[in-house]
Amino acid sequence: MDESQKNLKEKKLEMIQMTINQSDEHPLKSFVHVLGGILVFLSIVYCSLKVVIDASIYLMPDSTAIYLTKSLGDIIIFNQESSEKNETQKYVQDLLNRLKENSSLKNVDIEVIIRSDSTLNALSYPGYKIVVNQGLLEFVKSENELAFILGHELGHYHYRHLLKRLSSSVLDFSVAIITLISGVDTSIVKTLSANLNKQFSQRQESESDDYALKLVDRTYDGNSSGATDFFEKLSKTEGFIRNSLNFLFTHPLSKDRVSHLKTSIEDFKMSDKGLTPLPKNIFILDNISKKEEDE
């Protein structure tokens, strides 16, 4: 064997040895690297599609957005009948209409529905129907506090959050179908989209808080009284788990919402001018009469 052949053989042995050394990396480490790359890629694609869809909804004409929101109310099953036009419903509807006059929705018919439910909640539905639970009405202590909550629900309509959430659901469904057909583990995609949607949802809640504060500012001549009361009371009920794992929830922490609103109140140069009381016993009397009718 001449010298050149010997050198060639040695180089081949060196290359083989290098390959063996490179393969010494633990398989689990390689798997983590690959999985991380897949998650980053899916995150970029998913977020890009979300941004495009949200931008399309944001840029569509008001008339189109109103038409779609109304039409969804006819398509999606809504199992809540209109409220009896009692004193409570009339009062809340009138308050909503006052807020609407200072909003971008002044020419849109929005109906208030009072639901016999003890949960502290109010919800905006397709078809421009805002459901307010009886439990929430009994929880608030002033008209200002209730006005902020109603303004928050109007904010969801203003920013077209319902349309964005529906389009997001369609996107999630489409991604799930594609991954199912391609054989990719759908649990990864589901977990990813769920966590991203929670962050998008928290952002939407913050947007609606800001919108509500602007409506309260215009409706009550810069009076900030009661704007943070609801969340200040809620923050006292949120435990350690809720505070520690905020990223798992669709709504921001109440204490963070209070802090953000107080900063905005200063920016808007609003001031505490006193609370407007609720009509005496209006919510309680209606609730008692409802119970008597049931008996």
Protein backbone atom coordinates (compact mmCIF):
# COMPACT_ATOMS: atom_id res chain seq x y z
CA MET A 1 0.00 0.00 0.00
CA ASP A 2 1.53 3.30 -1.09
CA GLU A 3 1.53 6.47 0.98
CA SER A 4 -1.46 8.09 -0.78
CA GLN A 5 -3.74 5.11 -0.20
CA LYS A 6 -2.70 5.02 3.43
CA ASN A 7 -3.58 8.71 3.86
CA LEU A 8 -6.95 8.18 2.16
CA LYS A 9 -7.76 5.31 4.48
CA GLU A 10 -6.83 7.36 7.53
CA LYS A 11 -9.13 10.20 6.39
CA LYS A 12 -12.02 7.77 5.95
CA LEU A 13 -11.44 6.43 9.44
CA GLU A 14 -11.39 9.99 10.81
CA MET A 15 -14.70 10.79 9.09
CA ILE A 16 -16.30 7.64 10.46
CA GLN A 17 -15.05 8.51 13.94
CA MET A 18 -16.44 12.05 13.66
CA THR A 19 -19.84 10.65 12.62
CA ILE A 20 -19.83 8.30 15.59
CA ASN A 21 -18.91 11.15 17.94
CA GLN A 22 -21.68 13.35 16.54
CA SER A 23 -24.25 10.64 17.16
CA ASP A 24 -23.31 10.55 20.83
CA GLU A 25 -25.91 13.33 21.50
CA HIS A 26 -28.75 12.02 23.67
CA PRO A 27 -31.88 11.14 21.60
CA LEU A 28 -34.10 13.06 24.02
CA LYS A 29 -32.09 16.22 23.41
CA SER A 30 -32.49 15.82 19.67
CA PHE A 31 -36.23 15.26 20.11
CA VAL A 32 -36.55 18.43 22.19
CA HIS A 33 -34.73 20.42 19.51
CA VAL A 34 -37.00 19.09 16.77
CA LEU A 35 -40.15 19.61 18.83
CA GLY A 36 -39.08 23.14 19.68
CA GLY A 37 -38.55 23.92 16.03
CA ILE A 38 -41.98 22.57 15.12
CA LEU A 39 -43.67 24.61 17.86
CA VAL A 40 -41.88 27.79 16.80
CA PHE A 41 -42.88 27.21 13.17
CA LEU A 42 -46.51 26.48 14.06
CA SER A 43 -46.62 29.53 16.34
CA ILE A 44 -45.37 31.80 13.57
CA VAL A 45 -47.82 30.41 11.01
CA TYR A 46 -50.77 30.50 13.42
CA CYS A 47 -50.05 34.03 14.66
CA SER A 48 -49.52 35.27 11.11
CA LEU A 49 -52.91 33.90 10.03
CA LYS A 50 -54.54 35.42 13.13
CA VAL A 51 -53.05 38.82 12.36
CA VAL A 52 -54.22 38.68 8.74
CA ILE A 53 -57.76 37.64 9.73
CA ASP A 54 -58.00 40.25 12.52
CA ALA A 55 -56.72 42.94 10.16
CA SER A 56 -59.32 41.97 7.55
CA ILE A 57 -62.11 42.23 10.13
CA TYR A 58 -60.74 45.54 11.42
CA LEU A 59 -60.60 47.04 7.91
CA MET A 60 -64.05 45.92 6.77
CA PRO A 61 -66.68 48.69 6.50
CA ASP A 62 -68.91 49.34 9.53
CA SER A 63 -72.00 48.39 7.54
CA THR A 64 -70.51 44.98 6.75
CA ALA A 65 -69.47 44.32 10.35
CA ILE A 66 -72.93 45.30 11.63
CA TYR A 67 -74.64 43.12 9.04
CA LEU A 68 -72.46 40.09 9.89
CA THR A 69 -72.97 40.52 13.65
CA LYS A 70 -76.74 40.78 13.20
CA SER A 71 -76.81 37.81 10.81
CA LEU A 72 -74.85 35.65 13.24
CA GLY A 73 -77.62 36.23 15.75
CA ASP A 74 -80.03 34.54 13.31
CA ILE A 75 -77.66 31.68 12.43
CA ILE A 76 -76.29 30.80 15.87
CA ILE A 77 -78.82 29.24 18.25
CA PHE A 78 -79.56 31.71 21.02
CA ASN A 79 -81.65 30.04 23.71
CA GLN A 80 -82.38 33.15 25.75
CA GLU A 81 -85.75 34.82 25.25
CA SER A 82 -86.17 38.56 25.56
CA SER A 83 -86.70 39.81 29.09
CA GLU A 84 -90.03 40.86 30.43
CA LYS A 85 -90.12 44.66 30.13
CA ASN A 86 -90.13 45.26 33.89
CA GLU A 87 -88.53 48.11 35.83
CA THR A 88 -85.15 46.42 36.01
CA GLN A 89 -84.94 45.70 32.30
CA LYS A 90 -86.13 49.20 31.40
CA TYR A 91 -83.60 50.84 33.71
CA VAL A 92 -80.63 48.82 32.40
CA GLN A 93 -81.77 49.31 28.79
CA ASP A 94 -82.05 53.08 29.30
CA LEU A 95 -78.58 53.18 30.86
CA LEU A 96 -77.15 51.22 27.91
CA ASN A 97 -78.84 53.61 25.47
CA ARG A 98 -77.27 56.60 27.24
CA LEU A 99 -73.83 55.02 26.89
CA LYS A 100 -74.55 54.16 23.26
CA GLU A 101 -75.16 57.83 22.43
CA ASN A 102 -71.50 58.51 23.19
CA SER A 103 -70.23 55.50 21.26
CA SER A 104 -69.66 54.34 17.70
CA LEU A 105 -72.79 52.16 18.05
CA LYS A 106 -75.36 54.94 18.51
CA ASN A 107 -77.34 53.85 15.43
CA VAL A 108 -77.30 50.13 16.25
CA ASP A 109 -80.24 48.54 18.11
CA ILE A 110 -78.85 46.60 21.07
CA GLU A 111 -81.18 44.73 23.41
CA VAL A 112 -80.57 44.11 27.12
CA ILE A 113 -81.74 40.74 28.44
CA ILE A 114 -81.90 40.11 32.20
CA ARG A 115 -81.28 36.47 33.08
CA SER A 116 -82.22 34.82 36.38
CA ASP A 117 -78.72 33.57 37.15
CA SER A 118 -76.71 34.19 40.31
CA THR A 119 -73.38 34.22 38.44
CA LEU A 120 -71.53 37.56 38.39
CA ASN A 121 -71.47 37.96 34.65
CA ALA A 122 -72.62 39.93 31.61
CA LEU A 123 -72.16 38.69 28.05
CA SER A 124 -72.40 40.20 24.57
CA TYR A 125 -73.94 37.86 22.00
CA PRO A 126 -74.27 37.87 18.20
CA GLY A 127 -77.38 39.71 17.08
CA TYR A 128 -76.55 42.62 19.39
CA LYS A 129 -78.00 41.14 22.57
CA ILE A 130 -76.34 41.81 25.92
CA VAL A 131 -77.26 39.35 28.67
CA VAL A 132 -76.90 40.63 32.24
CA ASN A 133 -77.23 38.12 35.07
CA GLN A 134 -79.40 38.93 38.07
CA GLY A 135 -76.47 38.02 40.33
CA LEU A 136 -74.36 40.80 38.83
CA LEU A 137 -77.15 43.36 39.27
CA GLU A 138 -77.37 42.49 42.96
CA PHE A 139 -73.57 42.71 43.27
CA VAL A 140 -73.04 46.23 41.90
CA LYS A 141 -73.44 49.16 44.28
CA SER A 142 -73.81 52.16 41.97
CA GLU A 143 -74.99 53.19 38.53
CA ASN A 144 -71.39 54.12 37.66
CA GLU A 145 -70.21 50.59 38.37
CA LEU A 146 -72.97 49.10 36.22
CA ALA A 147 -72.31 51.65 33.45
CA PHE A 148 -68.69 50.53 33.21
CA ILE A 149 -69.75 46.88 32.86
CA LEU A 150 -72.24 47.71 30.10
CA GLY A 151 -69.62 49.89 28.40
CA HIS A 152 -67.24 46.94 28.48
CA GLU A 153 -69.75 44.80 26.58
CA LEU A 154 -70.23 47.60 24.04
CA GLY A 155 -66.47 47.54 23.61
CA HIS A 156 -66.64 43.95 22.39
CA TYR A 157 -69.02 45.07 19.63
CA HIS A 158 -66.95 48.15 18.79
CA TYR A 159 -63.74 46.15 18.33
CA ARG A 160 -65.64 43.34 16.54
CA HIS A 161 -64.39 40.76 19.01
CA LEU A 162 -67.30 38.41 18.29
CA LEU A 163 -66.37 38.25 14.61
CA LYS A 164 -62.70 37.74 15.50
CA ARG A 165 -63.54 34.93 17.91
CA LEU A 166 -65.72 33.19 15.35
CA SER A 167 -63.01 33.46 12.67
CA SER A 168 -60.51 32.15 15.22
CA SER A 169 -62.72 29.11 15.86
CA VAL A 170 -62.94 28.47 12.11
CA LEU A 171 -59.13 28.76 11.86
CA ASP A 172 -58.63 26.33 14.77
CA PHE A 173 -61.04 23.86 13.19
CA SER A 174 -59.27 24.11 9.82
CA VAL A 175 -55.84 23.60 11.39
CA ALA A 176 -57.15 20.59 13.32
CA ILE A 177 -58.52 19.01 10.11
CA ILE A 178 -55.26 19.60 8.24
CA THR A 179 -53.13 18.12 11.03
CA LEU A 180 -55.47 15.16 11.35
CA ILE A 181 -55.22 14.39 7.62
CA SER A 182 -51.45 14.87 7.59
CA GLY A 183 -50.99 12.57 10.58
CA VAL A 184 -49.41 15.20 12.84
CA ASP A 185 -50.13 14.89 16.56
CA THR A 186 -53.16 17.19 16.97
CA SER A 187 -52.66 17.51 20.74
CA ILE A 188 -49.65 19.78 20.14
CA VAL A 189 -51.65 22.02 17.80
CA LYS A 190 -54.65 22.11 20.13
CA THR A 191 -52.51 23.07 23.13
CA LEU A 192 -50.71 25.72 21.13
CA SER A 193 -53.87 27.32 19.72
CA ALA A 194 -55.64 27.19 23.11
CA ASN A 195 -52.81 29.03 24.87
CA LEU A 196 -52.46 31.60 22.09
CA ASN A 197 -56.23 32.19 22.06
CA LYS A 198 -56.18 32.87 25.80
CA GLN A 199 -53.58 35.59 25.27
CA PHE A 200 -55.62 37.09 22.42
CA SER A 201 -58.70 36.96 24.66
CA GLN A 202 -56.91 38.79 27.49
CA ARG A 203 -55.92 41.51 25.04
CA GLN A 204 -59.54 41.85 23.90
CA GLU A 205 -60.72 42.20 27.50
CA SER A 206 -58.20 44.98 28.07
CA GLU A 207 -59.35 46.75 24.90
CA SER A 208 -62.96 46.61 26.09
CA ASP A 209 -61.96 47.97 29.51
CA ASP A 210 -60.35 50.99 27.82
CA TYR A 211 -63.42 51.52 25.65
CA ALA A 212 -65.73 51.35 28.68
CA LEU A 213 -63.66 53.95 30.51
CA LYS A 214 -63.89 56.31 27.52
CA LEU A 215 -67.69 55.90 27.47
CA VAL A 216 -67.92 56.55 31.22
CA ASP A 217 -65.71 59.63 30.75
CA ARG A 218 -68.03 61.04 28.06
CA THR A 219 -71.32 60.04 29.71
CA TYR A 220 -70.49 61.23 33.23
CA ASP A 221 -68.46 64.35 32.30
CA GLY A 222 -65.07 63.01 33.35
CA ASN A 223 -66.32 61.35 36.54
CA SER A 224 -64.19 58.27 37.30
CA SER A 225 -66.16 57.17 40.36
CA GLY A 226 -67.11 53.49 40.28
CA ALA A 227 -64.99 52.65 37.22
CA THR A 228 -62.74 50.24 39.12
CA ASP A 229 -65.17 49.12 41.84
CA PHE A 230 -66.26 45.87 40.17
CA PHE A 231 -62.71 44.59 39.61
CA GLU A 232 -61.52 45.77 43.02
CA LYS A 233 -64.18 43.58 44.63
CA LEU A 234 -63.40 40.65 42.33
CA SER A 235 -59.66 40.86 43.07
CA LYS A 236 -60.37 40.01 46.71
CA THR A 237 -61.88 36.67 45.64
CA GLU A 238 -59.03 35.56 43.34
CA GLY A 239 -56.84 33.01 45.08
CA PHE A 240 -53.19 31.99 44.79
CA ILE A 241 -53.72 29.65 41.81
CA ARG A 242 -55.55 32.32 39.80
CA ASN A 243 -52.80 34.84 40.52
CA SER A 244 -49.95 32.43 39.78
CA LEU A 245 -51.32 30.88 36.58
CA ASN A 246 -52.83 33.93 34.91
CA PHE A 247 -51.62 32.80 31.45
CA LEU A 248 -54.08 29.88 31.60
CA PHE A 249 -57.12 32.16 31.83
CA THR A 250 -59.05 34.12 29.20
CA HIS A 251 -59.40 37.24 31.38
CA PRO A 252 -56.61 39.35 32.90
CA LEU A 253 -56.17 39.43 36.65
CA SER A 254 -58.63 41.81 38.28
CA LYS A 255 -55.85 43.58 40.20
CA ASP A 256 -53.99 44.16 36.91
CA ARG A 257 -57.15 45.57 35.34
CA VAL A 258 -57.59 47.94 38.27
CA SER A 259 -53.98 49.11 37.98
CA HIS A 260 -54.33 49.67 34.23
CA LEU A 261 -57.61 51.57 34.64
CA LYS A 262 -56.17 53.84 37.34
CA THR A 263 -53.33 54.75 34.98
CA SER A 264 -55.82 55.47 32.20
CA ILE A 265 -57.95 57.60 34.54
CA GLU A 266 -54.91 59.78 35.18
CA ASP A 267 -54.14 59.95 31.44
CA PHE A 268 -57.75 61.01 30.67
CA LYS A 269 -57.58 63.57 33.52
CA MET A 270 -60.74 62.13 35.03
CA SER A 271 -61.62 62.80 38.67
CA ASP A 272 -63.74 61.37 41.47
CA LYS A 273 -66.98 63.37 41.47
CA GLY A 274 -69.12 60.96 43.47
CA LEU A 275 -71.30 57.97 42.71
CA THR A 276 -74.76 57.99 41.16
CA PRO A 277 -76.93 55.71 43.31
CA LEU A 278 -79.00 52.90 41.83
CA PRO A 279 -82.79 53.27 41.95
CA LYS A 280 -83.84 52.14 45.41
CA ASN A 281 -84.68 48.42 45.63
CA ILE A 282 -85.29 48.17 41.88
CA PHE A 283 -83.30 44.96 41.42
CA ILE A 284 -84.34 43.38 44.72
CA LEU A 285 -88.09 44.02 44.27
CA ASP A 286 -88.12 42.53 40.79
CA ASN A 287 -86.30 39.46 42.06
CA ILE A 288 -88.76 38.98 44.93
CA SER A 289 -91.75 39.30 42.60
CA LYS A 290 -90.18 36.75 40.25
CA LYS A 291 -89.74 34.26 43.10
CA GLU A 292 -93.36 34.80 44.20
CA GLU A 293 -94.58 34.10 40.66
CA ASP A 294 -92.55 30.87 40.56
CA GLU A 295 -94.11 29.75 43.85
